[in-house]
């Protein structure tokens, strides 16, 4: 019986560890909206700020740094006057496409359920 419990714990950790890793990278309410905003092409900081409603410049700056550090966003500085800084998704960020689409579909279903008031099951 104890061996089965150890196996279940091992299986559970094998599922939870990568999920925890993903949530650590995508944590908070702003990272996915920033990624979605960038799916429509390279943008400057102010363009992202306008598309991601409610985010402060300070938080956007921090989130872009985190996304860049994790290899999901590329920051490009163009040596011009004035200096132009743009942000774009990396090829690695494309691995989130299915996750984002699944979350979008679930969000639509959940919103419909809430609006219908059917929270029984």
Foldseek 3Di string as FASTA:
>chain_A
DVVVVVVVVVVVCVVVVVVVVVCVLQPDDPLVLLLVQQVVHKDFLVSSPVSRPPDDSVVSVVSQVSCVVVQQKDWDWDPDVVITIIIHGDPVVVVCVVVVVVVVVVVVVVVVCVVVVPPPD
